[in-house]
PDB file of all heavy atoms in Angstrom:
ATOM      1  N   ILE A   1     -14.141  -2.063   3.208  1.00  0.00           N
ATOM      2  CA  ILE A   1     -15.144  -2.663   2.426  1.00  0.00           C
ATOM      3  C   ILE A   1     -15.212  -2.006   1.115  1.00  0.00           C
ATOM      4  O   ILE A   1     -15.263  -2.600  -0.029  1.00  0.00           O
ATOM      5  CB  ILE A   1     -16.536  -2.829   3.099  1.00  0.00           C
ATOM      6  CG1 ILE A   1     -16.391  -3.796   4.306  1.00  0.00           C
ATOM      7  CG2 ILE A   1     -17.571  -3.254   2.160  1.00  0.00           C
ATOM      8  CD1 ILE A   1     -17.589  -3.777   5.159  1.00  0.00           C
ATOM      9  N   SER A   2     -15.037  -0.617   1.113  1.00  0.00           N
ATOM     10  CA  SER A   2     -15.257   0.050  -0.068  1.00  0.00           C
ATOM     11  C   SER A   2     -13.968  -0.168  -0.998  1.00  0.00           C
ATOM     12  O   SER A   2     -14.140  -0.215  -2.225  1.00  0.00           O
ATOM     13  CB  SER A   2     -15.297   1.673   0.224  1.00  0.00           C
ATOM     14  OG  SER A   2     -14.067   2.093   0.602  1.00  0.00           O
ATOM     15  N   GLU A   3     -12.806  -0.376  -0.399  1.00  0.00           N
ATOM     16  CA  GLU A   3     -11.679  -0.775  -1.244  1.00  0.00           C
ATOM     17  C   GLU A   3     -11.908  -2.013  -1.985  1.00  0.00           C
ATOM     18  O   GLU A   3     -11.560  -2.232  -3.128  1.00  0.00           O
ATOM     19  CB  GLU A   3     -10.485  -1.010  -0.290  1.00  0.00           C
ATOM     20  CG  GLU A   3      -9.805   0.327   0.231  1.00  0.00           C
ATOM     21  CD  GLU A   3      -8.589   0.003   1.105  1.00  0.00           C
ATOM     22  OE1 GLU A   3      -7.601  -0.253   0.451  1.00  0.00           O
ATOM     23  OE2 GLU A   3      -8.721   0.095   2.403  1.00  0.00           O
ATOM     24  N   ILE A   4     -12.536  -3.020  -1.334  1.00  0.00           N
ATOM     25  CA  ILE A   4     -12.805  -4.381  -1.866  1.00  0.00           C
ATOM     26  C   ILE A   4     -13.679  -4.155  -3.129  1.00  0.00           C
ATOM     27  O   ILE A   4     -13.468  -4.648  -4.228  1.00  0.00           O
ATOM     28  CB  ILE A   4     -13.371  -5.479  -0.933  1.00  0.00           C
ATOM     29  CG1 ILE A   4     -12.393  -5.733   0.160  1.00  0.00           C
ATOM     30  CG2 ILE A   4     -13.837  -6.594  -1.654  1.00  0.00           C
ATOM     31  CD1 ILE A   4     -12.923  -6.559   1.267  1.00  0.00           C
ATOM     32  N   LEU A   5     -14.645  -3.286  -2.930  1.00  0.00           N
ATOM     33  CA  LEU A   5     -15.586  -3.084  -4.002  1.00  0.00           C
ATOM     34  C   LEU A   5     -15.146  -2.151  -5.139  1.00  0.00           C
ATOM     35  O   LEU A   5     -15.341  -2.333  -6.322  1.00  0.00           O
ATOM     36  CB  LEU A   5     -16.850  -2.513  -3.422  1.00  0.00           C
ATOM     37  CG  LEU A   5     -17.682  -3.292  -2.441  1.00  0.00           C
ATOM     38  CD1 LEU A   5     -18.710  -2.500  -1.624  1.00  0.00           C
ATOM     39  CD2 LEU A   5     -18.359  -4.396  -3.284  1.00  0.00           C
ATOM     40  N   ALA A   6     -14.370  -1.185  -4.738  1.00  0.00           N
ATOM     41  CA  ALA A   6     -13.956  -0.138  -5.806  1.00  0.00           C
ATOM     42  C   ALA A   6     -12.484  -0.180  -6.094  1.00  0.00           C
ATOM     43  O   ALA A   6     -12.138  -0.220  -7.318  1.00  0.00           O
ATOM     44  CB  ALA A   6     -14.255   1.349  -5.141  1.00  0.00           C
ATOM     45  N   SER A   7     -11.549  -0.291  -5.231  1.00  0.00           N
ATOM     46  CA  SER A   7     -10.188  -0.303  -5.582  1.00  0.00           C
ATOM     47  C   SER A   7      -9.741  -1.556  -6.172  1.00  0.00           C
ATOM     48  O   SER A   7      -9.041  -1.555  -7.260  1.00  0.00           O
ATOM     49  CB  SER A   7      -9.423  -0.157  -4.238  1.00  0.00           C
ATOM     50  OG  SER A   7      -7.899  -0.001  -4.519  1.00  0.00           O
ATOM     51  N   ILE A   8     -10.132  -2.852  -5.561  1.00  0.00           N
ATOM     52  CA  ILE A   8      -9.723  -4.077  -6.299  1.00  0.00           C
ATOM     53  C   ILE A   8     -10.368  -4.156  -7.727  1.00  0.00           C
ATOM     54  O   ILE A   8      -9.759  -4.478  -8.594  1.00  0.00           O
ATOM     55  CB  ILE A   8     -10.083  -5.162  -5.370  1.00  0.00           C
ATOM     56  CG1 ILE A   8      -9.272  -5.235  -4.078  1.00  0.00           C
ATOM     57  CG2 ILE A   8      -9.841  -6.562  -6.044  1.00  0.00           C
ATOM     58  CD1 ILE A   8      -9.743  -6.154  -3.216  1.00  0.00           C
ATOM     59  N   THR A   9     -11.536  -3.746  -7.737  1.00  0.00           N
ATOM     60  CA  THR A   9     -12.359  -3.801  -9.006  1.00  0.00           C
ATOM     61  C   THR A   9     -11.723  -2.936 -10.154  1.00  0.00           C
ATOM     62  O   THR A   9     -11.773  -3.203 -11.218  1.00  0.00           O
ATOM     63  CB  THR A   9     -13.725  -3.533  -8.805  1.00  0.00           C
ATOM     64  OG1 THR A   9     -14.289  -4.404  -7.791  1.00  0.00           O
ATOM     65  CG2 THR A   9     -14.622  -3.814 -10.052  1.00  0.00           C
ATOM     66  N   GLY A  10     -11.203  -1.848  -9.566  1.00  0.00           N
ATOM     67  CA  GLY A  10     -10.531  -0.840 -10.594  1.00  0.00           C
ATOM     68  C   GLY A  10      -9.267  -1.437 -11.144  1.00  0.00           C
ATOM     69  O   GLY A  10      -9.064  -1.404 -12.327  1.00  0.00           O
ATOM     70  N   LEU A  11      -8.629  -2.102 -10.367  1.00  0.00           N
ATOM     71  CA  LEU A  11      -7.316  -2.860 -10.831  1.00  0.00           C
ATOM     72  C   LEU A  11      -7.710  -3.925 -11.864  1.00  0.00           C
ATOM     73  O   LEU A  11      -7.125  -4.034 -12.962  1.00  0.00           O
ATOM     74  CB  LEU A  11      -6.579  -3.474  -9.690  1.00  0.00           C
ATOM     75  CG  LEU A  11      -6.016  -2.752  -8.700  1.00  0.00           C
ATOM     76  CD1 LEU A  11      -5.438  -3.488  -7.421  1.00  0.00           C
ATOM     77  CD2 LEU A  11      -4.843  -1.867  -9.222  1.00  0.00           C
ATOM     78  N   GLU A  12      -8.741  -4.674 -11.548  1.00  0.00           N
ATOM     79  CA  GLU A  12      -9.307  -5.705 -12.577  1.00  0.00           C
ATOM     80  C   GLU A  12      -9.737  -5.044 -13.807  1.00  0.00           C
ATOM     81  O   GLU A  12      -9.371  -5.537 -15.026  1.00  0.00           O
ATOM     82  CB  GLU A  12     -10.360  -6.580 -11.877  1.00  0.00           C
ATOM     83  CG  GLU A  12     -11.168  -7.312 -12.831  1.00  0.00           C
ATOM     84  CD  GLU A  12     -12.455  -7.551 -12.272  1.00  0.00           C
ATOM     85  OE1 GLU A  12     -12.799  -7.625 -11.107  1.00  0.00           O
ATOM     86  OE2 GLU A  12     -13.497  -7.794 -13.111  1.00  0.00           O
ATOM     87  N   TYR A  13     -10.561  -3.913 -13.708  1.00  0.00           N
ATOM     88  CA  TYR A  13     -11.031  -3.290 -14.800  1.00  0.00           C
ATOM     89  C   TYR A  13     -10.013  -2.725 -15.728  1.00  0.00           C
ATOM     90  O   TYR A  13      -9.988  -2.895 -16.956  1.00  0.00           O
ATOM     91  CB  TYR A  13     -11.966  -2.191 -14.384  1.00  0.00           C
ATOM     92  CG  TYR A  13     -12.953  -1.761 -15.380  1.00  0.00           C
ATOM     93  CD1 TYR A  13     -14.037  -2.514 -15.525  1.00  0.00           C
ATOM     94  CD2 TYR A  13     -12.973  -0.506 -16.168  1.00  0.00           C
ATOM     95  CE1 TYR A  13     -15.156  -2.191 -16.537  1.00  0.00           C
ATOM     96  CE2 TYR A  13     -13.837  -0.196 -16.962  1.00  0.00           C
ATOM     97  CZ  TYR A  13     -15.046  -0.986 -17.273  1.00  0.00           C
ATOM     98  OH  TYR A  13     -15.939  -0.556 -18.073  1.00  0.00           O
ATOM     99  N   ALA A  14      -8.935  -2.154 -15.083  1.00  0.00           N
ATOM    100  CA  ALA A  14      -7.854  -1.669 -15.847  1.00  0.00           C
ATOM    101  C   ALA A  14      -7.130  -2.728 -16.781  1.00  0.00           C
ATOM    102  O   ALA A  14      -6.730  -2.550 -17.842  1.00  0.00           O
ATOM    103  CB  ALA A  14      -6.832  -0.859 -15.029  1.00  0.00           C
ATOM    104  N   PHE A  15      -7.036  -3.866 -16.083  1.00  0.00           N
ATOM    105  CA  PHE A  15      -6.273  -4.981 -16.819  1.00  0.00           C
ATOM    106  C   PHE A  15      -7.148  -5.581 -17.882  1.00  0.00           C
ATOM    107  O   PHE A  15      -6.711  -5.753 -18.939  1.00  0.00           O
ATOM    108  CB  PHE A  15      -5.956  -6.118 -15.742  1.00  0.00           C
ATOM    109  CG  PHE A  15      -5.287  -7.264 -16.408  1.00  0.00           C
ATOM    110  CD1 PHE A  15      -3.888  -7.279 -16.671  1.00  0.00           C
ATOM    111  CD2 PHE A  15      -5.950  -8.419 -16.822  1.00  0.00           C
ATOM    112  CE1 PHE A  15      -3.169  -8.242 -17.243  1.00  0.00           C
ATOM    113  CE2 PHE A  15      -5.302  -9.457 -17.404  1.00  0.00           C
ATOM    114  CZ  PHE A  15      -3.962  -9.506 -17.558  1.00  0.00           C
ATOM    115  N   THR A  16      -8.368  -5.891 -17.657  1.00  0.00           N
ATOM    116  CA  THR A  16      -9.245  -6.627 -18.578  1.00  0.00           C
ATOM    117  C   THR A  16      -9.668  -5.708 -19.682  1.00  0.00           C
ATOM    118  O   THR A  16     -10.028  -6.168 -20.834  1.00  0.00           O
ATOM    119  CB  THR A  16     -10.512  -7.074 -17.891  1.00  0.00           C
ATOM    120  OG1 THR A  16     -11.221  -6.154 -17.290  1.00  0.00           O
ATOM    121  CG2 THR A  16     -10.202  -8.162 -16.868  1.00  0.00           C
ATOM    122  N   LYS A  17      -9.627  -4.306 -19.659  1.00  0.00           N
ATOM    123  CA  LYS A  17     -10.057  -3.475 -20.678  1.00  0.00           C
ATOM    124  C   LYS A  17      -8.910  -2.873 -21.471  1.00  0.00           C
ATOM    125  O   LYS A  17      -9.273  -2.139 -22.440  1.00  0.00           O
ATOM    126  CB  LYS A  17     -10.960  -2.320 -20.133  1.00  0.00           C
ATOM    127  CG  LYS A  17     -12.077  -2.857 -19.319  1.00  0.00           C
ATOM    128  CD  LYS A  17     -13.137  -3.526 -20.174  1.00  0.00           C
ATOM    129  CE  LYS A  17     -14.297  -3.946 -19.327  1.00  0.00           C
ATOM    130  NZ  LYS A  17     -14.051  -4.990 -18.397  1.00  0.00           N
ATOM    131  N   ALA A  18      -7.675  -3.240 -21.228  1.00  0.00           N
ATOM    132  CA  ALA A  18      -6.477  -2.673 -22.091  1.00  0.00           C
ATOM    133  C   ALA A  18      -5.954  -3.724 -22.951  1.00  0.00           C
ATOM    134  O   ALA A  18      -6.063  -4.963 -22.834  1.00  0.00           O
ATOM    135  CB  ALA A  18      -5.440  -2.324 -21.038  1.00  0.00           C
ATOM    136  N   PRO A  19      -5.549  -3.153 -24.242  1.00  0.00           N
ATOM    137  CA  PRO A  19      -4.801  -4.203 -25.092  1.00  0.00           C
ATOM    138  C   PRO A  19      -3.478  -4.642 -24.303  1.00  0.00           C
ATOM    139  O   PRO A  19      -3.002  -4.024 -23.430  1.00  0.00           O
ATOM    140  CB  PRO A  19      -4.304  -3.184 -26.276  1.00  0.00           C
ATOM    141  CG  PRO A  19      -5.320  -2.098 -26.169  1.00  0.00           C
ATOM    142  CD  PRO A  19      -5.629  -1.885 -24.722  1.00  0.00           C
ATOM    143  N   LYS A  20      -3.025  -5.857 -24.775  1.00  0.00           N
ATOM    144  CA  LYS A  20      -1.926  -6.373 -24.062  1.00  0.00           C
ATOM    145  C   LYS A  20      -0.780  -5.509 -24.035  1.00  0.00           C
ATOM    146  O   LYS A  20       0.044  -5.480 -23.006  1.00  0.00           O
ATOM    147  CB  LYS A  20      -1.456  -7.765 -24.717  1.00  0.00           C
ATOM    148  CG  LYS A  20      -2.504  -8.856 -24.501  1.00  0.00           C
ATOM    149  CD  LYS A  20      -1.949 -10.172 -25.041  1.00  0.00           C
ATOM    150  CE  LYS A  20      -2.912 -11.325 -24.856  1.00  0.00           C
ATOM    151  NZ  LYS A  20      -2.366 -12.643 -25.408  1.00  0.00           N
ATOM    152  N   ASN A  21      -0.475  -4.702 -25.064  1.00  0.00           N
ATOM    153  CA  ASN A  21       0.720  -3.782 -25.123  1.00  0.00           C
ATOM    154  C   ASN A  21       0.447  -2.513 -24.502  1.00  0.00           C
ATOM    155  O   ASN A  21       1.330  -1.615 -24.717  1.00  0.00           O
ATOM    156  CB  ASN A  21       1.217  -3.670 -26.607  1.00  0.00           C
ATOM    157  CG  ASN A  21       0.165  -3.242 -27.483  1.00  0.00           C
ATOM    158  OD1 ASN A  21      -0.970  -2.953 -27.150  1.00  0.00           O
ATOM    159  ND2 ASN A  21       0.576  -2.759 -28.620  1.00  0.00           N
ATOM    160  N   MET A  22      -0.786  -2.286 -23.807  1.00  0.00           N
ATOM    161  CA  MET A  22      -0.915  -1.130 -23.142  1.00  0.00           C
ATOM    162  C   MET A  22      -1.417  -1.258 -21.680  1.00  0.00           C
ATOM    163  O   MET A  22      -1.875  -0.382 -21.064  1.00  0.00           O
ATOM    164  CB  MET A  22      -2.127  -0.296 -23.828  1.00  0.00           C
ATOM    165  CG  MET A  22      -1.600   0.287 -25.196  1.00  0.00           C
ATOM    166  SD  MET A  22      -2.893   1.335 -25.977  1.00  0.00           S
ATOM    167  CE  MET A  22      -2.935   2.709 -24.807  1.00  0.00           C
ATOM    168  N   ARG A  23      -1.198  -2.579 -21.175  1.00  0.00           N
ATOM    169  CA  ARG A  23      -1.694  -2.841 -19.868  1.00  0.00           C
ATOM    170  C   ARG A  23      -1.096  -1.916 -18.793  1.00  0.00           C
ATOM    171  O   ARG A  23      -1.726  -1.506 -17.789  1.00  0.00           O
ATOM    172  CB  ARG A  23      -1.524  -4.285 -19.616  1.00  0.00           C
ATOM    173  CG  ARG A  23      -2.546  -5.160 -20.155  1.00  0.00           C
ATOM    174  CD  ARG A  23      -2.337  -6.557 -20.151  1.00  0.00           C
ATOM    175  NE  ARG A  23      -3.410  -7.384 -20.734  1.00  0.00           N
ATOM    176  CZ  ARG A  23      -3.324  -8.760 -20.939  1.00  0.00           C
ATOM    177  NH1 ARG A  23      -2.231  -9.400 -20.692  1.00  0.00           N
ATOM    178  NH2 ARG A  23      -4.437  -9.402 -21.465  1.00  0.00           N
ATOM    179  N   SER A  24       0.311  -1.858 -18.826  1.00  0.00           N
ATOM    180  CA  SER A  24       0.765  -0.962 -17.890  1.00  0.00           C
ATOM    181  C   SER A  24       0.412   0.545 -17.960  1.00  0.00           C
ATOM    182  O   SER A  24       0.249   1.101 -16.965  1.00  0.00           O
ATOM    183  CB  SER A  24       2.411  -1.089 -17.955  1.00  0.00           C
ATOM    184  OG  SER A  24       2.927  -2.276 -17.652  1.00  0.00           O
ATOM    185  N   LEU A  25       0.280   0.999 -19.215  1.00  0.00           N
ATOM    186  CA  LEU A  25      -0.218   2.451 -19.323  1.00  0.00           C
ATOM    187  C   LEU A  25      -1.603   2.586 -18.743  1.00  0.00           C
ATOM    188  O   LEU A  25      -1.921   3.569 -18.074  1.00  0.00           O
ATOM    189  CB  LEU A  25      -0.207   2.779 -20.728  1.00  0.00           C
ATOM    190  CG  LEU A  25       1.261   3.039 -21.368  1.00  0.00           C
ATOM    191  CD1 LEU A  25       1.182   3.154 -22.907  1.00  0.00           C
ATOM    192  CD2 LEU A  25       1.771   4.327 -20.767  1.00  0.00           C
ATOM    193  N   ILE A  26      -2.552   1.596 -19.085  1.00  0.00           N
ATOM    194  CA  ILE A  26      -3.880   1.766 -18.502  1.00  0.00           C
ATOM    195  C   ILE A  26      -3.874   1.555 -17.057  1.00  0.00           C
ATOM    196  O   ILE A  26      -4.614   2.316 -16.220  1.00  0.00           O
ATOM    197  CB  ILE A  26      -4.799   0.762 -19.176  1.00  0.00           C
ATOM    198  CG1 ILE A  26      -4.745   0.926 -20.786  1.00  0.00           C
ATOM    199  CG2 ILE A  26      -6.241   0.938 -18.654  1.00  0.00           C
ATOM    200  CD1 ILE A  26      -5.204   2.317 -21.168  1.00  0.00           C
ATOM    201  N   MET A  27      -3.099   0.756 -16.402  1.00  0.00           N
ATOM    202  CA  MET A  27      -2.963   0.687 -15.011  1.00  0.00           C
ATOM    203  C   MET A  27      -2.417   1.811 -14.444  1.00  0.00           C
ATOM    204  O   MET A  27      -2.852   2.289 -13.470  1.00  0.00           O
ATOM    205  CB  MET A  27      -2.025  -0.643 -14.686  1.00  0.00           C
ATOM    206  CG  MET A  27      -2.003  -0.928 -13.244  1.00  0.00           C
ATOM    207  SD  MET A  27      -3.509  -1.404 -12.518  1.00  0.00           S
ATOM    208  CE  MET A  27      -3.811  -3.037 -13.407  1.00  0.00           C
TER     209      MET A  27
END
């Protein structure tokens, strides 16, 4: 349950907060 709340959301946060040309780097 903690993975659903923290790990998945971390992946989403890394993608949505990065410029398109830095998405892999922020991930």
